[in-house]
Amino acid sequence: MTILAIFDLDKTLIANDSDYNWGVFLGRHGYVDAAHYQAQNEYFYEQYTRGTLDIFAYSEFVFKVLADTPIATLLQWREQFMQEMILPLIQPQAMALVQKHMDIGHQCVLVSATNTFVIEPIARHFGFEHIIGTTPEQINGQFTGKVAGTPSFQAGKIARLEQWLATQNLSWDTVKGSFFYSDSINDLPLLEHATFPIVCNPDARLREIARARHWPILELFATH
């Protein structure tokens, strides 16, 4: 029977937030109005850390750049972003954690609130075949600025996983068990749903809950 190993991405497998850093990258290179974009980026990121983010409002903000820019240009930017800002964040212990589950034969899935355009090359670098993120709508190959389907955020991660399980002819009832690694209070619904919740570099609120519930706490990026 199938055992799932589910991973969040930002601050779980990489020691920063890819979505936030994408905004920093766009401003740094003048691809967007840096001051305006950074102010909005900070505003939404503060909401995210508090667990109060309006994912649709945030996605509308982020996806406008995708909708306003030709795909070929976006792909060039994304490759530059990957080289400059993501690869330096990827540490051997994070790669090894994912590989450990793959070697055991677990079905590994990356499930991130960040949009699929940003996370796909990062996920591939880790070796993930199965990638779930908030999906930017596309029509005739061009981004529209809208969200397609259910955002992969908070309880939406459970819904998106259920949709993916159905494509694999599986369900929560037919998998033997599930591991889920996350750093964020936003992922509490899926942590509670998983057979083996593991908090990884947790934020303060999630750390407190993990201690109270005796969930394992993994400090993947500890320097000592």
Protein backbone atom coordinates (compact mmCIF):
# COMPACT_ATOMS: atom_id res chain seq x y z
CA MET A 1 0.00 0.00 0.00
CA THR A 2 1.03 3.58 -0.69
CA ILE A 3 2.64 5.75 1.98
CA LEU A 4 2.70 9.47 1.27
CA ALA A 5 5.54 11.82 2.18
CA ILE A 6 4.15 15.33 1.81
CA PHE A 7 6.36 18.42 2.02
CA ASP A 8 5.71 22.11 2.27
CA LEU A 9 8.40 24.16 0.52
CA ASP A 10 9.04 27.63 1.90
CA LYS A 11 11.00 27.66 5.18
CA THR A 12 10.48 23.89 5.31
CA LEU A 13 12.77 22.63 2.55
CA ILE A 14 14.38 25.97 1.72
CA ALA A 15 15.50 28.47 4.35
CA ASN A 16 13.41 31.34 3.04
CA ASP A 17 10.16 32.08 1.21
CA SER A 18 10.26 31.62 -2.58
CA ASP A 19 7.07 33.62 -3.16
CA TYR A 20 8.32 36.62 -1.18
CA ASN A 21 11.77 36.34 -2.76
CA TRP A 22 10.26 36.29 -6.25
CA GLY A 23 8.89 39.75 -5.47
CA VAL A 24 12.26 40.92 -4.15
CA PHE A 25 13.91 39.59 -7.31
CA LEU A 26 11.43 41.36 -9.63
CA GLY A 27 12.00 44.68 -7.87
CA ARG A 28 15.77 44.30 -7.67
CA HIS A 29 16.05 43.97 -11.43
CA GLY A 30 13.51 46.63 -12.27
CA TYR A 31 10.99 44.20 -13.73
CA VAL A 32 8.34 45.84 -11.52
CA ASP A 33 8.08 49.14 -9.68
CA ALA A 34 10.31 48.15 -6.78
CA ALA A 35 8.94 50.46 -4.08
CA HIS A 36 5.27 49.72 -4.79
CA TYR A 37 5.76 46.00 -5.22
CA GLN A 38 7.88 45.65 -2.11
CA ALA A 39 5.33 47.51 0.00
CA GLN A 40 2.58 45.17 -1.19
CA ASN A 41 4.85 42.16 -0.76
CA GLU A 42 5.52 43.11 2.87
CA TYR A 43 1.82 43.75 3.51
CA PHE A 44 0.75 40.33 2.29
CA TYR A 45 3.68 38.51 3.89
CA GLU A 46 2.77 39.96 7.28
CA GLN A 47 -0.77 38.63 6.78
CA TYR A 48 0.64 35.23 5.86
CA THR A 49 2.77 35.00 9.00
CA ARG A 50 -0.26 35.90 11.13
CA GLY A 51 -2.35 33.24 9.42
CA THR A 52 -4.83 35.81 8.07
CA LEU A 53 -3.82 35.99 4.40
CA ASP A 54 -6.55 36.48 1.80
CA ILE A 55 -5.10 34.08 -0.74
CA PHE A 56 -7.26 35.37 -3.59
CA ALA A 57 -6.25 39.01 -3.02
CA TYR A 58 -2.61 37.97 -2.77
CA SER A 59 -2.79 35.82 -5.89
CA GLU A 60 -4.39 38.69 -7.84
CA PHE A 61 -1.42 40.85 -6.84
CA VAL A 62 1.22 38.25 -7.75
CA PHE A 63 -0.46 37.00 -10.92
CA LYS A 64 -0.74 40.46 -12.48
CA VAL A 65 2.95 40.28 -13.36
CA LEU A 66 2.39 36.88 -14.97
CA ALA A 67 -0.57 38.19 -16.97
CA ASP A 68 1.24 41.34 -18.12
CA THR A 69 4.45 39.64 -19.27
CA PRO A 70 5.09 37.34 -22.27
CA ILE A 71 5.70 33.72 -21.34
CA ALA A 72 9.16 33.67 -22.95
CA THR A 73 10.23 36.61 -20.79
CA LEU A 74 8.76 35.05 -17.65
CA LEU A 75 10.71 31.86 -18.28
CA GLN A 76 13.94 33.83 -18.62
CA TRP A 77 13.20 35.67 -15.38
CA ARG A 78 12.40 32.42 -13.60
CA GLU A 79 15.67 30.81 -14.63
CA GLN A 80 17.56 33.89 -13.45
CA PHE A 81 15.61 33.81 -10.17
CA MET A 82 16.41 30.14 -9.67
CA GLN A 83 20.14 30.72 -10.16
CA GLU A 84 20.41 33.91 -8.11
CA MET A 85 18.02 33.41 -5.23
CA ILE A 86 16.92 29.79 -4.88
CA LEU A 87 19.90 27.53 -5.49
CA PRO A 88 21.93 29.27 -2.73
CA LEU A 89 19.09 28.44 -0.30
CA ILE A 90 19.02 24.70 -1.01
CA GLN A 91 20.99 22.82 1.61
CA PRO A 92 22.20 19.20 1.49
CA GLN A 93 20.21 18.14 4.57
CA ALA A 94 16.96 19.20 2.91
CA MET A 95 17.80 17.28 -0.26
CA ALA A 96 18.72 14.27 1.88
CA LEU A 97 15.41 14.38 3.77
CA VAL A 98 13.39 14.14 0.57
CA GLN A 99 15.72 11.49 -0.86
CA LYS A 100 15.34 9.40 2.29
CA HIS A 101 11.61 9.09 1.72
CA MET A 102 12.10 8.40 -1.97
CA ASP A 103 14.61 5.65 -1.20
CA ILE A 104 12.14 3.99 1.19
CA GLY A 105 9.58 3.94 -1.61
CA HIS A 106 7.21 6.59 -0.28
CA GLN A 107 5.13 8.58 -2.74
CA CYS A 108 6.61 12.07 -2.37
CA VAL A 109 4.48 15.15 -3.02
CA LEU A 110 5.38 18.83 -2.77
CA VAL A 111 2.38 20.89 -1.64
CA SER A 112 2.95 24.64 -1.50
CA ALA A 113 0.77 27.74 -1.30
CA THR A 114 3.21 29.40 -3.70
CA ASN A 115 2.10 29.36 -7.32
CA THR A 116 3.14 26.54 -9.61
CA PHE A 117 5.00 28.82 -12.02
CA VAL A 118 7.50 29.74 -9.30
CA ILE A 119 7.82 26.37 -7.58
CA GLU A 120 8.04 23.94 -10.51
CA PRO A 121 11.81 24.28 -11.15
CA ILE A 122 12.50 24.22 -7.40
CA ALA A 123 10.46 21.04 -7.02
CA ARG A 124 12.25 19.42 -9.95
CA HIS A 125 15.61 20.26 -8.36
CA PHE A 126 14.54 18.26 -5.30
CA GLY A 127 13.40 15.38 -7.51
CA PHE A 128 9.65 15.74 -7.01
CA GLU A 129 7.45 14.26 -9.70
CA HIS A 130 4.21 15.29 -8.00
CA ILE A 131 3.83 19.06 -7.47
CA ILE A 132 0.82 20.89 -6.07
CA GLY A 133 0.74 24.67 -5.81
CA THR A 134 -1.73 27.48 -6.25
CA THR A 135 -2.40 27.35 -9.98
CA PRO A 136 -2.40 30.50 -12.14
CA GLU A 137 -5.10 30.25 -14.80
CA GLN A 138 -3.90 30.09 -18.39
CA ILE A 139 -5.88 30.53 -21.62
CA ASN A 140 -4.17 29.77 -24.92
CA GLY A 141 -0.83 29.61 -23.13
CA GLN A 142 -1.09 33.05 -21.55
CA PHE A 143 -1.67 33.73 -17.87
CA THR A 144 -4.96 35.52 -17.15
CA GLY A 145 -4.18 36.88 -13.67
CA LYS A 146 -6.78 34.64 -12.03
CA VAL A 147 -6.54 31.54 -9.83
CA ALA A 148 -7.50 28.22 -11.41
CA GLY A 149 -9.41 25.97 -9.02
CA THR A 150 -8.81 25.81 -5.29
CA PRO A 151 -5.75 27.64 -3.94
CA SER A 152 -3.25 25.31 -2.27
CA PHE A 153 -3.46 27.14 1.03
CA GLN A 154 -4.55 26.17 4.56
CA ALA A 155 -7.45 23.67 4.27
CA GLY A 156 -7.19 24.04 0.50
CA LYS A 157 -4.08 21.88 0.64
CA ILE A 158 -6.23 18.97 1.82
CA ALA A 159 -8.72 19.56 -1.00
CA ARG A 160 -5.96 19.72 -3.60
CA LEU A 161 -4.33 16.57 -2.23
CA GLU A 162 -7.67 14.77 -2.43
CA GLN A 163 -7.98 15.81 -6.08
CA TRP A 164 -4.46 14.56 -6.75
CA LEU A 165 -5.09 11.27 -4.92
CA ALA A 166 -8.10 10.67 -7.18
CA THR A 167 -5.83 11.00 -10.24
CA GLN A 168 -3.64 8.28 -8.72
CA ASN A 169 -6.68 6.04 -8.05
CA LEU A 170 -6.09 6.56 -4.35
CA SER A 171 -7.88 8.21 -1.41
CA TRP A 172 -7.08 8.99 2.21
CA ASP A 173 -8.78 5.71 3.08
CA THR A 174 -6.63 3.64 0.74
CA VAL A 175 -3.18 5.06 1.59
CA LYS A 176 -1.40 3.26 4.38
CA GLY A 177 -0.18 6.43 6.04
CA SER A 178 1.10 9.94 5.45
CA PHE A 179 4.00 12.07 6.64
CA PHE A 180 3.70 15.84 6.38
CA TYR A 181 6.52 18.31 6.97
CA SER A 182 5.74 22.00 7.47
CA ASP A 183 7.00 25.11 9.24
CA SER A 184 3.81 27.17 9.21
CA ILE A 185 0.71 27.67 11.32
CA ASN A 186 -1.12 27.97 7.99
CA ASP A 187 -0.56 24.25 7.49
CA LEU A 188 -2.19 23.18 10.75
CA PRO A 189 -5.23 21.64 8.93
CA LEU A 190 -3.03 19.28 6.92
CA LEU A 191 -0.73 18.55 9.86
CA GLU A 192 -3.81 17.46 11.81
CA HIS A 193 -4.92 15.34 8.85
CA ALA A 194 -1.58 13.54 8.40
CA THR A 195 -0.78 10.25 10.10
CA PHE A 196 2.68 11.52 11.06
CA PRO A 197 2.84 15.33 11.38
CA ILE A 198 6.39 16.66 11.61
CA VAL A 199 6.99 20.35 12.17
CA CYS A 200 10.10 21.56 10.43
CA ASN A 201 11.80 24.84 11.45
CA PRO A 202 8.43 25.90 12.90
CA ASP A 203 7.13 29.40 13.49
CA ALA A 204 6.45 30.28 17.13
CA ARG A 205 2.74 29.42 17.13
CA LEU A 206 3.25 26.08 15.44
CA ARG A 207 6.16 25.22 17.74
CA GLU A 208 3.92 25.76 20.77
CA ILE A 209 1.22 23.50 19.31
CA ALA A 210 3.76 20.84 18.39
CA ARG A 211 5.16 20.77 21.91
CA ALA A 212 1.67 20.51 23.40
CA ARG A 213 0.76 17.64 21.08
CA HIS A 214 4.17 15.93 21.25
CA TRP A 215 4.73 16.19 17.51
CA PRO A 216 8.34 15.78 16.34
CA ILE A 217 10.16 19.06 15.77
CA LEU A 218 12.88 19.00 13.12
CA GLU A 219 15.39 21.85 12.99
CA LEU A 220 16.57 21.29 9.45
CA PHE A 221 18.56 24.49 9.16
CA ALA A 222 20.08 24.59 12.64
CA THR A 223 23.65 25.88 12.52
CA HIS A 224 24.86 24.29 15.72
